[in-house]
Amino acid sequence: MKKGKILKDLRRKKGITQEEISGLLEVTRTTYCKWENDKVDLTISQAVKLAAAYGLKASILVQMFEAESTTTEFIKNFLL
């Protein structure tokens, strides 16, 4: 599973649109879409903001990327 798929899964589980999350992160929807489609990598500061927007610690988001997992059980343990 790629990072973009993880971002998409998180967004969907949170029940928000690309437009809503991009507004929270103060980036364009196009930029967020590129992250979800693995066209552009996140910077560290963007990953920290993204994790906060989903109610996660940045270290948890990194663990998800490393484990390539957004299983329901994994997310249930970390998503607020």
Protein backbone atom coordinates (compact mmCIF):
# COMPACT_ATOMS: atom_id res chain seq x y z
CA MET A 1 0.00 0.00 0.00
CA LYS A 2 1.37 3.38 -0.91
CA LYS A 3 1.27 6.54 1.17
CA GLY A 4 -1.47 8.01 -1.00
CA LYS A 5 -3.76 5.06 -0.34
CA ILE A 6 -3.16 5.47 3.39
CA LEU A 7 -4.03 9.17 3.17
CA LYS A 8 -7.18 8.39 1.22
CA ASP A 9 -8.22 5.71 3.72
CA LEU A 10 -7.66 8.07 6.65
CA ARG A 11 -9.67 10.83 4.98
CA ARG A 12 -12.54 8.50 4.17
CA LYS A 13 -12.59 7.01 7.66
CA LYS A 14 -12.74 10.55 9.04
CA GLY A 15 -15.65 11.24 6.67
CA ILE A 16 -14.26 14.38 5.06
CA THR A 17 -13.66 15.48 1.49
CA GLN A 18 -10.40 16.44 -0.18
CA GLU A 19 -11.68 20.00 -0.22
CA GLU A 20 -12.27 19.98 3.54
CA ILE A 21 -8.90 18.49 4.47
CA SER A 22 -7.02 20.73 2.06
CA GLY A 23 -8.72 23.74 3.66
CA LEU A 24 -7.64 22.60 7.13
CA LEU A 25 -4.08 22.18 5.87
CA GLU A 26 -4.15 25.46 3.94
CA VAL A 27 -3.14 23.81 0.66
CA THR A 28 -5.06 23.56 -2.59
CA ARG A 29 -7.25 20.56 -3.26
CA THR A 30 -4.98 19.85 -6.22
CA THR A 31 -1.97 19.59 -3.91
CA TYR A 32 -3.80 17.24 -1.57
CA CYS A 33 -4.98 15.17 -4.53
CA LYS A 34 -1.36 14.81 -5.67
CA TRP A 35 -0.46 13.45 -2.23
CA GLU A 36 -3.29 10.89 -2.40
CA ASN A 37 -2.22 9.85 -5.90
CA ASP A 38 1.46 9.56 -4.93
CA LYS A 39 2.41 12.25 -7.45
CA VAL A 40 4.17 14.40 -4.83
CA ASP A 41 5.74 13.41 -1.52
CA LEU A 42 4.87 15.15 1.70
CA THR A 43 7.45 17.30 3.42
CA ILE A 44 8.04 16.67 7.11
CA SER A 45 6.14 19.82 8.09
CA GLN A 46 3.22 18.83 5.86
CA ALA A 47 3.16 15.34 7.38
CA VAL A 48 3.09 16.84 10.89
CA LYS A 49 0.15 19.11 9.97
CA LEU A 50 -1.63 16.25 8.24
CA ALA A 51 -1.24 13.97 11.24
CA ALA A 52 -2.63 16.68 13.52
CA ALA A 53 -5.60 17.21 11.20
CA TYR A 54 -6.44 13.51 11.57
CA GLY A 55 -5.92 13.56 15.34
CA LEU A 56 -2.73 11.51 15.12
CA LYS A 57 0.79 11.98 16.37
CA ALA A 58 3.23 12.36 13.49
CA SER A 59 5.03 9.24 14.71
CA ILE A 60 1.81 7.23 14.27
CA LEU A 61 1.39 8.49 10.71
CA VAL A 62 4.98 7.45 10.01
CA GLN A 63 4.25 4.02 11.50
CA MET A 64 1.27 3.70 9.19
CA PHE A 65 3.44 4.60 6.21
CA GLU A 66 6.11 2.11 7.28
CA ALA A 67 3.60 -0.67 8.01
CA GLU A 68 1.66 0.27 4.89
CA SER A 69 -1.46 -0.28 6.89
CA THR A 70 -4.72 1.48 7.58
CA THR A 71 -6.59 -1.58 8.73
CA THR A 72 -9.67 -0.82 10.77
CA GLU A 73 -8.03 -2.16 13.92
CA PHE A 74 -4.86 -0.10 13.40
CA ILE A 75 -6.83 3.10 12.84
CA LYS A 76 -9.23 2.39 15.67
CA ASN A 77 -6.25 2.34 18.04
CA PHE A 78 -4.89 5.71 16.92
CA LEU A 79 -7.61 7.85 15.34
CA LEU A 80 -9.46 10.12 17.73
